[in-house]
Amino acid sequence: MTDPIVEKIQRNPRYLELRRKRNRIGIVLTVLMLLVYYGYIALIAFDKAFLARPVGAGVTTFGIPIGLGVIVFTVVITGIYVRRANREFDTLTEQILKDAKS
């Protein structure tokens, strides 16, 4: 026994569009994050000498700004998802709920 409202929502073309769009951006951003993170880990594993080189004449090595770049990249892709969710996904969700009530 399933709820008729749930069935109505699941058959709604906007719901299918929402699922498709959310899944697509989720997969793309996940793959990008995995590439960046595991790329950094692979760099640590296979080219320690590069990461240990100092930047300029200071004591900071290349590993520090690259590691910070990984963190910044994470924040940026989170922002991309949140912005898209607030603009597009929330609008679709409201339309789906409005259709379900009628």
PDB file of N, CA and C in Angstrom:
ATOM      1  N   MET A   1       0.836  -1.170   0.000  1.00  0.00           N
ATOM      2  CA  MET A   1       0.000   0.000   0.000  1.00  0.00           C
ATOM      3  C   MET A   1       0.887   1.241   0.000  1.00  0.00           C
ATOM      4  N   THR A   2       0.708   2.033  -1.002  1.00  0.00           N
ATOM      5  CA  THR A   2       1.449   3.282  -1.079  1.00  0.00           C
ATOM      6  C   THR A   2       0.478   4.445  -1.063  1.00  0.00           C
ATOM      7  N   ASP A   3       0.995   5.558  -0.643  1.00  0.00           N
ATOM      8  CA  ASP A   3       0.186   6.776  -0.560  1.00  0.00           C
ATOM      9  C   ASP A   3      -0.083   7.298  -1.972  1.00  0.00           C
ATOM     10  N   PRO A   4      -1.333   7.640  -2.295  1.00  0.00           N
ATOM     11  CA  PRO A   4      -1.634   8.142  -3.648  1.00  0.00           C
ATOM     12  C   PRO A   4      -0.911   9.456  -3.969  1.00  0.00           C
ATOM     13  N   ILE A   5      -0.663  10.260  -2.947  1.00  0.00           N
ATOM     14  CA  ILE A   5       0.061  11.516  -3.186  1.00  0.00           C
ATOM     15  C   ILE A   5       1.500  11.221  -3.605  1.00  0.00           C
ATOM     16  N   VAL A   6       2.099  10.231  -2.952  1.00  0.00           N
ATOM     17  CA  VAL A   6       3.481   9.849  -3.298  1.00  0.00           C
ATOM     18  C   VAL A   6       3.529   9.347  -4.730  1.00  0.00           C
ATOM     19  N   GLU A   7       2.569   8.528  -5.102  1.00  0.00           N
ATOM     20  CA  GLU A   7       2.519   8.027  -6.484  1.00  0.00           C
ATOM     21  C   GLU A   7       2.333   9.166  -7.475  1.00  0.00           C
ATOM     22  N   LYS A   8       1.482  10.112  -7.128  1.00  0.00           N
ATOM     23  CA  LYS A   8       1.230  11.259  -8.010  1.00  0.00           C
ATOM     24  C   LYS A   8       2.511  12.070  -8.202  1.00  0.00           C
ATOM     25  N   ILE A   9       3.252  12.279  -7.108  1.00  0.00           N
ATOM     26  CA  ILE A   9       4.512  13.025  -7.190  1.00  0.00           C
ATOM     27  C   ILE A   9       5.518  12.260  -8.036  1.00  0.00           C
ATOM     28  N   GLN A  10       5.625  10.967  -7.817  1.00  0.00           N
ATOM     29  CA  GLN A  10       6.613  10.171  -8.552  1.00  0.00           C
ATOM     30  C   GLN A  10       6.320  10.093 -10.045  1.00  0.00           C
ATOM     31  N   ARG A  11       5.092  10.273 -10.435  1.00  0.00           N
ATOM     32  CA  ARG A  11       4.726  10.273 -11.864  1.00  0.00           C
ATOM     33  C   ARG A  11       4.847  11.653 -12.497  1.00  0.00           C
ATOM     34  N   ASN A  12       4.986  12.675 -11.678  1.00  0.00           N
ATOM     35  CA  ASN A  12       5.051  14.051 -12.171  1.00  0.00           C
ATOM     36  C   ASN A  12       6.333  14.244 -12.997  1.00  0.00           C
ATOM     37  N   PRO A  13       6.208  14.771 -14.234  1.00  0.00           N
ATOM     38  CA  PRO A  13       7.395  14.999 -15.069  1.00  0.00           C
ATOM     39  C   PRO A  13       8.396  15.963 -14.429  1.00  0.00           C
ATOM     40  N   ARG A  14       7.907  16.904 -13.649  1.00  0.00           N
ATOM     41  CA  ARG A  14       8.828  17.834 -12.967  1.00  0.00           C
ATOM     42  C   ARG A  14       9.650  17.112 -11.910  1.00  0.00           C
ATOM     43  N   TYR A  15       9.042  16.139 -11.247  1.00  0.00           N
ATOM     44  CA  TYR A  15       9.778  15.355 -10.259  1.00  0.00           C
ATOM     45  C   TYR A  15      10.889  14.548 -10.940  1.00  0.00           C
ATOM     46  N   LEU A  16      10.574  13.968 -12.065  1.00  0.00           N
ATOM     47  CA  LEU A  16      11.581  13.208 -12.808  1.00  0.00           C
ATOM     48  C   LEU A  16      12.700  14.129 -13.293  1.00  0.00           C
ATOM     49  N   GLU A  17      12.339  15.340 -13.703  1.00  0.00           N
ATOM     50  CA  GLU A  17      13.330  16.329 -14.118  1.00  0.00           C
ATOM     51  C   GLU A  17      14.212  16.725 -12.932  1.00  0.00           C
ATOM     52  N   LEU A  18      13.594  16.943 -11.778  1.00  0.00           N
ATOM     53  CA  LEU A  18      14.340  17.304 -10.573  1.00  0.00           C
ATOM     54  C   LEU A  18      15.328  16.202 -10.199  1.00  0.00           C
ATOM     55  N   ARG A  19      14.864  14.974 -10.211  1.00  0.00           N
ATOM     56  CA  ARG A  19      15.764  13.850  -9.882  1.00  0.00           C
ATOM     57  C   ARG A  19      16.921  13.773 -10.865  1.00  0.00           C
ATOM     58  N   ARG A  20      16.624  13.917 -12.148  1.00  0.00           N
ATOM     59  CA  ARG A  20      17.665  13.832 -13.172  1.00  0.00           C
ATOM     60  C   ARG A  20      18.708  14.931 -12.986  1.00  0.00           C
ATOM     61  N   LYS A  21      18.238  16.159 -12.772  1.00  0.00           N
ATOM     62  CA  LYS A  21      19.168  17.287 -12.619  1.00  0.00           C
ATOM     63  C   LYS A  21      19.994  17.168 -11.340  1.00  0.00           C
ATOM     64  N   ARG A  22      19.341  16.792 -10.252  1.00  0.00           N
ATOM     65  CA  ARG A  22      20.063  16.647  -8.982  1.00  0.00           C
ATOM     66  C   ARG A  22      21.094  15.538  -9.061  1.00  0.00           C
ATOM     67  N   ASN A  23      20.727  14.430  -9.646  1.00  0.00           N
ATOM     68  CA  ASN A  23      21.669  13.319  -9.788  1.00  0.00           C
ATOM     69  C   ASN A  23      22.850  13.701 -10.664  1.00  0.00           C
ATOM     70  N   ARG A  24      22.573  14.393 -11.767  1.00  0.00           N
ATOM     71  CA  ARG A  24      23.641  14.769 -12.693  1.00  0.00           C
ATOM     72  C   ARG A  24      24.660  15.694 -12.026  1.00  0.00           C
ATOM     73  N   ILE A  25      24.177  16.755 -11.377  1.00  0.00           N
ATOM     74  CA  ILE A  25      25.122  17.680 -10.754  1.00  0.00           C
ATOM     75  C   ILE A  25      25.825  17.009  -9.572  1.00  0.00           C
ATOM     76  N   GLY A  26      25.117  16.151  -8.868  1.00  0.00           N
ATOM     77  CA  GLY A  26      25.739  15.429  -7.755  1.00  0.00           C
ATOM     78  C   GLY A  26      26.877  14.548  -8.216  1.00  0.00           C
ATOM     79  N   ILE A  27      26.664  13.847  -9.307  1.00  0.00           N
ATOM     80  CA  ILE A  27      27.701  12.965  -9.838  1.00  0.00           C
ATOM     81  C   ILE A  27      28.885  13.777 -10.359  1.00  0.00           C
ATOM     82  N   VAL A  28      28.611  14.832 -11.095  1.00  0.00           N
ATOM     83  CA  VAL A  28      29.684  15.661 -11.652  1.00  0.00           C
ATOM     84  C   VAL A  28      30.541  16.262 -10.541  1.00  0.00           C
ATOM     85  N   LEU A  29      29.895  16.854  -9.536  1.00  0.00           N
ATOM     86  CA  LEU A  29      30.648  17.476  -8.455  1.00  0.00           C
ATOM     87  C   LEU A  29      31.393  16.441  -7.611  1.00  0.00           C
ATOM     88  N   THR A  30      30.805  15.268  -7.437  1.00  0.00           N
ATOM     89  CA  THR A  30      31.485  14.202  -6.707  1.00  0.00           C
ATOM     90  C   THR A  30      32.732  13.741  -7.448  1.00  0.00           C
ATOM     91  N   VAL A  31      32.609  13.541  -8.744  1.00  0.00           N
ATOM     92  CA  VAL A  31      33.765  13.111  -9.536  1.00  0.00           C
ATOM     93  C   VAL A  31      34.863  14.175  -9.499  1.00  0.00           C
ATOM     94  N   LEU A  32      34.482  15.441  -9.635  1.00  0.00           N
ATOM     95  CA  LEU A  32      35.480  16.519  -9.554  1.00  0.00           C
ATOM     96  C   LEU A  32      36.179  16.520  -8.200  1.00  0.00           C
ATOM     97  N   MET A  33      35.415  16.373  -7.139  1.00  0.00           N
ATOM     98  CA  MET A  33      36.008  16.376  -5.797  1.00  0.00           C
ATOM     99  C   MET A  33      36.937  15.182  -5.619  1.00  0.00           C
ATOM    100  N   LEU A  34      36.531  14.030  -6.095  1.00  0.00           N
ATOM    101  CA  LEU A  34      37.384  12.848  -5.985  1.00  0.00           C
ATOM    102  C   LEU A  34      38.676  13.013  -6.778  1.00  0.00           C
ATOM    103  N   LEU A  35      38.569  13.599  -7.964  1.00  0.00           N
ATOM    104  CA  LEU A  35      39.774  13.835  -8.770  1.00  0.00           C
ATOM    105  C   LEU A  35      40.735  14.791  -8.067  1.00  0.00           C
ATOM    106  N   VAL A  36      40.205  15.870  -7.517  1.00  0.00           N
ATOM    107  CA  VAL A  36      41.064  16.842  -6.836  1.00  0.00           C
ATOM    108  C   VAL A  36      41.676  16.225  -5.587  1.00  0.00           C
ATOM    109  N   TYR A  37      40.857  15.589  -4.762  1.00  0.00           N
ATOM    110  CA  TYR A  37      41.352  15.032  -3.506  1.00  0.00           C
ATOM    111  C   TYR A  37      42.355  13.911  -3.759  1.00  0.00           C
ATOM    112  N   TYR A  38      41.967  12.940  -4.572  1.00  0.00           N
ATOM    113  CA  TYR A  38      42.882  11.824  -4.822  1.00  0.00           C
ATOM    114  C   TYR A  38      44.075  12.247  -5.668  1.00  0.00           C
ATOM    115  N   GLY A  39      43.918  13.283  -6.476  1.00  0.00           N
ATOM    116  CA  GLY A  39      45.062  13.837  -7.187  1.00  0.00           C
ATOM    117  C   GLY A  39      46.086  14.391  -6.219  1.00  0.00           C
ATOM    118  N   TYR A  40      45.605  15.080  -5.191  1.00  0.00           N
ATOM    119  CA  TYR A  40      46.503  15.619  -4.162  1.00  0.00           C
ATOM    120  C   TYR A  40      47.166  14.481  -3.388  1.00  0.00           C
ATOM    121  N   ILE A  41      46.406  13.475  -3.033  1.00  0.00           N
ATOM    122  CA  ILE A  41      46.962  12.323  -2.317  1.00  0.00           C
ATOM    123  C   ILE A  41      47.985  11.606  -3.202  1.00  0.00           C
ATOM    124  N   ALA A  42      47.688  11.472  -4.495  1.00  0.00           N
ATOM    125  CA  ALA A  42      48.642  10.830  -5.412  1.00  0.00           C
ATOM    126  C   ALA A  42      49.911  11.669  -5.526  1.00  0.00           C
ATOM    127  N   LEU A  43      49.773  12.967  -5.525  1.00  0.00           N
ATOM    128  CA  LEU A  43      50.944  13.843  -5.557  1.00  0.00           C
ATOM    129  C   LEU A  43      51.793  13.645  -4.306  1.00  0.00           C
ATOM    130  N   ILE A  44      51.141  13.513  -3.173  1.00  0.00           N
ATOM    131  CA  ILE A  44      51.869  13.241  -1.927  1.00  0.00           C
ATOM    132  C   ILE A  44      52.596  11.901  -2.032  1.00  0.00           C
ATOM    133  N   ALA A  45      51.927  10.906  -2.591  1.00  0.00           N
ATOM    134  CA  ALA A  45      52.507   9.566  -2.662  1.00  0.00           C
ATOM    135  C   ALA A  45      53.628   9.454  -3.689  1.00  0.00           C
ATOM    136  N   PHE A  46      53.490  10.130  -4.817  1.00  0.00           N
ATOM    137  CA  PHE A  46      54.419   9.886  -5.916  1.00  0.00           C
ATOM    138  C   PHE A  46      55.389  11.019  -6.216  1.00  0.00           C
ATOM    139  N   ASP A  47      55.163  12.212  -5.684  1.00  0.00           N
ATOM    140  CA  ASP A  47      56.092  13.306  -5.965  1.00  0.00           C
ATOM    141  C   ASP A  47      56.279  14.198  -4.732  1.00  0.00           C
ATOM    142  N   LYS A  48      56.807  13.568  -3.690  1.00  0.00           N
ATOM    143  CA  LYS A  48      57.037  14.304  -2.445  1.00  0.00           C
ATOM    144  C   LYS A  48      58.044  15.429  -2.640  1.00  0.00           C
ATOM    145  N   ALA A  49      58.980  15.217  -3.528  1.00  0.00           N
ATOM    146  CA  ALA A  49      60.016  16.233  -3.754  1.00  0.00           C
ATOM    147  C   ALA A  49      59.405  17.539  -4.280  1.00  0.00           C
ATOM    148  N   PHE A  50      58.415  17.417  -5.159  1.00  0.00           N
ATOM    149  CA  PHE A  50      57.752  18.617  -5.676  1.00  0.00           C
ATOM    150  C   PHE A  50      57.040  19.373  -4.556  1.00  0.00           C
ATOM    151  N   LEU A  51      56.312  18.643  -3.738  1.00  0.00           N
ATOM    152  CA  LEU A  51      55.574  19.274  -2.651  1.00  0.00           C
ATOM    153  C   LEU A  51      56.491  19.852  -1.582  1.00  0.00           C
ATOM    154  N   ALA A  52      57.698  19.309  -1.470  1.00  0.00           N
ATOM    155  CA  ALA A  52      58.640  19.772  -0.446  1.00  0.00           C
ATOM    156  C   ALA A  52      59.443  20.997  -0.899  1.00  0.00           C
ATOM    157  N   ARG A  53      59.379  21.335  -2.187  1.00  0.00           N
ATOM    158  CA  ARG A  53      60.122  22.507  -2.673  1.00  0.00           C
ATOM    159  C   ARG A  53      59.566  23.784  -2.076  1.00  0.00           C
ATOM    160  N   PRO A  54      60.436  24.665  -1.639  1.00  0.00           N
ATOM    161  CA  PRO A  54      59.944  25.929  -1.078  1.00  0.00           C
ATOM    162  C   PRO A  54      59.391  26.855  -2.160  1.00  0.00           C
ATOM    163  N   VAL A  55      58.417  27.639  -1.762  1.00  0.00           N
ATOM    164  CA  VAL A  55      57.863  28.664  -2.636  1.00  0.00           C
ATOM    165  C   VAL A  55      58.720  29.906  -2.445  1.00  0.00           C
ATOM    166  N   GLY A  56      59.421  30.322  -3.478  1.00  0.00           N
ATOM    167  CA  GLY A  56      60.300  31.490  -3.382  1.00  0.00           C
ATOM    168  C   GLY A  56      61.439  31.241  -2.406  1.00  0.00           C
ATOM    169  N   ALA A  57      61.779  32.267  -1.640  1.00  0.00           N
ATOM    170  CA  ALA A  57      62.894  32.153  -0.696  1.00  0.00           C
ATOM    171  C   ALA A  57      62.401  31.844   0.710  1.00  0.00           C
ATOM    172  N   GLY A  58      61.109  31.665   0.887  1.00  0.00           N
ATOM    173  CA  GLY A  58      60.557  31.425   2.217  1.00  0.00           C
ATOM    174  C   GLY A  58      60.620  29.971   2.630  1.00  0.00           C
ATOM    175  N   VAL A  59      59.951  29.683   3.729  1.00  0.00           N
ATOM    176  CA  VAL A  59      59.943  28.316   4.259  1.00  0.00           C
ATOM    177  C   VAL A  59      58.684  27.547   3.859  1.00  0.00           C
ATOM    178  N   THR A  60      57.708  28.220   3.273  1.00  0.00           N
ATOM    179  CA  THR A  60      56.476  27.563   2.840  1.00  0.00           C
ATOM    180  C   THR A  60      56.756  26.723   1.600  1.00  0.00           C
ATOM    181  N   THR A  61      56.279  25.487   1.624  1.00  0.00           N
ATOM    182  CA  THR A  61      56.479  24.595   0.486  1.00  0.00           C
ATOM    183  C   THR A  61      55.256  24.614  -0.423  1.00  0.00           C
ATOM    184  N   PHE A  62      55.401  24.041  -1.616  1.00  0.00           N
ATOM    185  CA  PHE A  62      54.286  23.974  -2.563  1.00  0.00           C
ATOM    186  C   PHE A  62      53.105  23.172  -2.011  1.00  0.00           C
ATOM    187  N   GLY A  63      53.368  22.244  -1.114  1.00  0.00           N
ATOM    188  CA  GLY A  63      52.302  21.414  -0.554  1.00  0.00           C
ATOM    189  C   GLY A  63      51.254  22.209   0.198  1.00  0.00           C
ATOM    190  N   ILE A  64      51.675  23.282   0.865  1.00  0.00           N
ATOM    191  CA  ILE A  64      50.732  24.073   1.660  1.00  0.00           C
ATOM    192  C   ILE A  64      49.701  24.788   0.770  1.00  0.00           C
ATOM    193  N   PRO A  65      50.103  25.578  -0.231  1.00  0.00           N
ATOM    194  CA  PRO A  65      49.073  26.231  -1.052  1.00  0.00           C
ATOM    195  C   PRO A  65      48.231  25.240  -1.865  1.00  0.00           C
ATOM    196  N   ILE A  66      48.832  24.136  -2.261  1.00  0.00           N
ATOM    197  CA  ILE A  66      48.041  23.141  -3.001  1.00  0.00           C
ATOM    198  C   ILE A  66      47.004  22.510  -2.071  1.00  0.00           C
ATOM    199  N   GLY A  67      47.389  22.194  -0.854  1.00  0.00           N
ATOM    200  CA  GLY A  67      46.447  21.653   0.131  1.00  0.00           C
ATOM    201  C   GLY A  67      45.336  22.644   0.444  1.00  0.00           C
ATOM    202  N   LEU A  68      45.697  23.915   0.590  1.00  0.00           N
ATOM    203  CA  LEU A  68      44.682  24.946   0.802  1.00  0.00           C
ATOM    204  C   LEU A  68      43.767  25.067  -0.412  1.00  0.00           C
ATOM    205  N   GLY A  69      44.341  24.865  -1.591  1.00  0.00           N
ATOM    206  CA  GLY A  69      43.536  24.886  -2.811  1.00  0.00           C
ATOM    207  C   GLY A  69      42.482  23.788  -2.821  1.00  0.00           C
ATOM    208  N   VAL A  70      42.845  22.617  -2.293  1.00  0.00           N
ATOM    209  CA  VAL A  70      41.880  21.520  -2.196  1.00  0.00           C
ATOM    210  C   VAL A  70      40.720  21.929  -1.280  1.00  0.00           C
ATOM    211  N   ILE A  71      41.052  22.565  -0.163  1.00  0.00           N
ATOM    212  CA  ILE A  71      40.012  23.006   0.766  1.00  0.00           C
ATOM    213  C   ILE A  71      39.134  24.079   0.123  1.00  0.00           C
ATOM    214  N   VAL A  72      39.742  25.044  -0.535  1.00  0.00           N
ATOM    215  CA  VAL A  72      38.978  26.103  -1.206  1.00  0.00           C
ATOM    216  C   VAL A  72      38.098  25.509  -2.300  1.00  0.00           C
ATOM    217  N   PHE A  73      38.620  24.548  -3.048  1.00  0.00           N
ATOM    218  CA  PHE A  73      37.842  23.894  -4.093  1.00  0.00           C
ATOM    219  C   PHE A  73      36.600  23.235  -3.502  1.00  0.00           C
ATOM    220  N   THR A  74      36.740  22.616  -2.340  1.00  0.00           N
ATOM    221  CA  THR A  74      35.607  21.981  -1.677  1.00  0.00           C
ATOM    222  C   THR A  74      34.537  23.009  -1.337  1.00  0.00           C
ATOM    223  N   VAL A  75      34.956  24.142  -0.817  1.00  0.00           N
ATOM    224  CA  VAL A  75      34.009  25.199  -0.474  1.00  0.00           C
ATOM    225  C   VAL A  75      33.321  25.730  -1.741  1.00  0.00           C
ATOM    226  N   VAL A  76      34.077  25.893  -2.799  1.00  0.00           N
ATOM    227  CA  VAL A  76      33.527  26.420  -4.053  1.00  0.00           C
ATOM    228  C   VAL A  76      32.484  25.474  -4.648  1.00  0.00           C
ATOM    229  N   ILE A  77      32.779  24.182  -4.704  1.00  0.00           N
ATOM    230  CA  ILE A  77      31.796  23.273  -5.305  1.00  0.00           C
ATOM    231  C   ILE A  77      30.575  23.114  -4.404  1.00  0.00           C
ATOM    232  N   THR A  78      30.756  23.259  -3.091  1.00  0.00           N
ATOM    233  CA  THR A  78      29.600  23.260  -2.194  1.00  0.00           C
ATOM    234  C   THR A  78      28.734  24.477  -2.489  1.00  0.00           C
ATOM    235  N   GLY A  79      29.362  25.626  -2.687  1.00  0.00           N
ATOM    236  CA  GLY A  79      28.629  26.845  -3.037  1.00  0.00           C
ATOM    237  C   GLY A  79      27.894  26.715  -4.352  1.00  0.00           C
ATOM    238  N   ILE A  80      28.531  26.067  -5.316  1.00  0.00           N
ATOM    239  CA  ILE A  80      27.888  25.844  -6.617  1.00  0.00           C
ATOM    240  C   ILE A  80      26.620  25.016  -6.435  1.00  0.00           C
ATOM    241  N   TYR A  81      26.718  23.948  -5.643  1.00  0.00           N
ATOM    242  CA  TYR A  81      25.549  23.096  -5.435  1.00  0.00           C
ATOM    243  C   TYR A  81      24.448  23.851  -4.701  1.00  0.00           C
ATOM    244  N   VAL A  82      24.807  24.574  -3.651  1.00  0.00           N
ATOM    245  CA  VAL A  82      23.811  25.310  -2.863  1.00  0.00           C
ATOM    246  C   VAL A  82      23.120  26.359  -3.727  1.00  0.00           C
ATOM    247  N   ARG A  83      23.890  27.073  -4.529  1.00  0.00           N
ATOM    248  CA  ARG A  83      23.303  28.091  -5.397  1.00  0.00           C
ATOM    249  C   ARG A  83      22.321  27.470  -6.388  1.00  0.00           C
ATOM    250  N   ARG A  84      22.720  26.374  -6.982  1.00  0.00           N
ATOM    251  CA  ARG A  84      21.834  25.702  -7.945  1.00  0.00           C
ATOM    252  C   ARG A  84      20.592  25.155  -7.248  1.00  0.00           C
ATOM    253  N   ALA A  85      20.790  24.602  -6.056  1.00  0.00           N
ATOM    254  CA  ALA A  85      19.653  24.067  -5.308  1.00  0.00           C
ATOM    255  C   ALA A  85      18.675  25.182  -4.951  1.00  0.00           C
ATOM    256  N   ASN A  86      19.189  26.312  -4.507  1.00  0.00           N
ATOM    257  CA  ASN A  86      18.313  27.421  -4.119  1.00  0.00           C
ATOM    258  C   ASN A  86      17.585  28.018  -5.309  1.00  0.00           C
ATOM    259  N   ARG A  87      18.232  28.080  -6.440  1.00  0.00           N
ATOM    260  CA  ARG A  87      17.617  28.710  -7.613  1.00  0.00           C
ATOM    261  C   ARG A  87      16.715  27.773  -8.402  1.00  0.00           C
ATOM    262  N   GLU A  88      17.192  26.579  -8.644  1.00  0.00           N
ATOM    263  CA  GLU A  88      16.501  25.692  -9.573  1.00  0.00           C
ATOM    264  C   GLU A  88      15.733  24.575  -8.862  1.00  0.00           C
ATOM    265  N   PHE A  89      16.392  23.881  -7.957  1.00  0.00           N
ATOM    266  CA  PHE A  89      15.775  22.713  -7.332  1.00  0.00           C
ATOM    267  C   PHE A  89      14.623  23.106  -6.411  1.00  0.00           C
ATOM    268  N   ASP A  90      14.772  24.203  -5.675  1.00  0.00           N
ATOM    269  CA  ASP A  90      13.694  24.636  -4.793  1.00  0.00           C
ATOM    270  C   ASP A  90      12.466  25.056  -5.591  1.00  0.00           C
ATOM    271  N   THR A  91      12.676  25.712  -6.726  1.00  0.00           N
ATOM    272  CA  THR A  91      11.559  26.113  -7.584  1.00  0.00           C
ATOM    273  C   THR A  91      10.818  24.886  -8.104  1.00  0.00           C
ATOM    274  N   LEU A  92      11.568  23.905  -8.573  1.00  0.00           N
ATOM    275  CA  LEU A  92      10.935  22.672  -9.063  1.00  0.00           C
ATOM    276  C   LEU A  92      10.183  21.961  -7.937  1.00  0.00           C
ATOM    277  N   THR A  93      10.776  21.920  -6.751  1.00  0.00           N
ATOM    278  CA  THR A  93      10.118  21.264  -5.615  1.00  0.00           C
ATOM    279  C   THR A  93       8.797  21.956  -5.277  1.00  0.00           C
ATOM    280  N   GLU A  94       8.800  23.283  -5.282  1.00  0.00           N
ATOM    281  CA  GLU A  94       7.560  24.018  -5.003  1.00  0.00           C
ATOM    282  C   GLU A  94       6.492  23.702  -6.053  1.00  0.00           C
ATOM    283  N   GLN A  95       6.900  23.646  -7.313  1.00  0.00           N
ATOM    284  CA  GLN A  95       5.943  23.343  -8.384  1.00  0.00           C
ATOM    285  C   GLN A  95       5.395  21.925  -8.232  1.00  0.00           C
ATOM    286  N   ILE A  96       6.257  20.995  -7.850  1.00  0.00           N
ATOM    287  CA  ILE A  96       5.829  19.609  -7.662  1.00  0.00           C
ATOM    288  C   ILE A  96       4.813  19.510  -6.520  1.00  0.00           C
ATOM    289  N   LEU A  97       5.098  20.189  -5.426  1.00  0.00           N
ATOM    290  CA  LEU A  97       4.180  20.165  -4.286  1.00  0.00           C
ATOM    291  C   LEU A  97       2.847  20.838  -4.615  1.00  0.00           C
ATOM    292  N   LYS A  98       2.924  21.914  -5.391  1.00  0.00           N
ATOM    293  CA  LYS A  98       1.695  22.600  -5.808  1.00  0.00           C
ATOM    294  C   LYS A  98       0.844  21.671  -6.679  1.00  0.00           C
ATOM    295  N   ASP A  99       1.500  20.956  -7.608  1.00  0.00           N
ATOM    296  CA  ASP A  99       0.780  20.002  -8.467  1.00  0.00           C
ATOM    297  C   ASP A  99       0.187  18.856  -7.658  1.00  0.00           C
ATOM    298  N   ALA A 100       0.890  18.423  -6.615  1.00  0.00           N
ATOM    299  CA  ALA A 100       0.425  17.294  -5.804  1.00  0.00           C
ATOM    300  C   ALA A 100      -0.812  17.663  -4.993  1.00  0.00           C
ATOM    301  N   LYS A 101      -0.891  18.928  -4.586  1.00  0.00           N
ATOM    302  CA  LYS A 101      -2.034  19.372  -3.782  1.00  0.00           C
ATOM    303  C   LYS A 101      -3.301  19.525  -4.607  1.00  0.00           C
ATOM    304  N   SER A 102      -3.136  19.752  -5.899  1.00  0.00           N
ATOM    305  CA  SER A 102      -4.323  19.966  -6.739  1.00  0.00           C
ATOM    306  C   SER A 102      -4.881  18.675  -7.295  1.00  0.00           C
TER     307      SER A 102
END
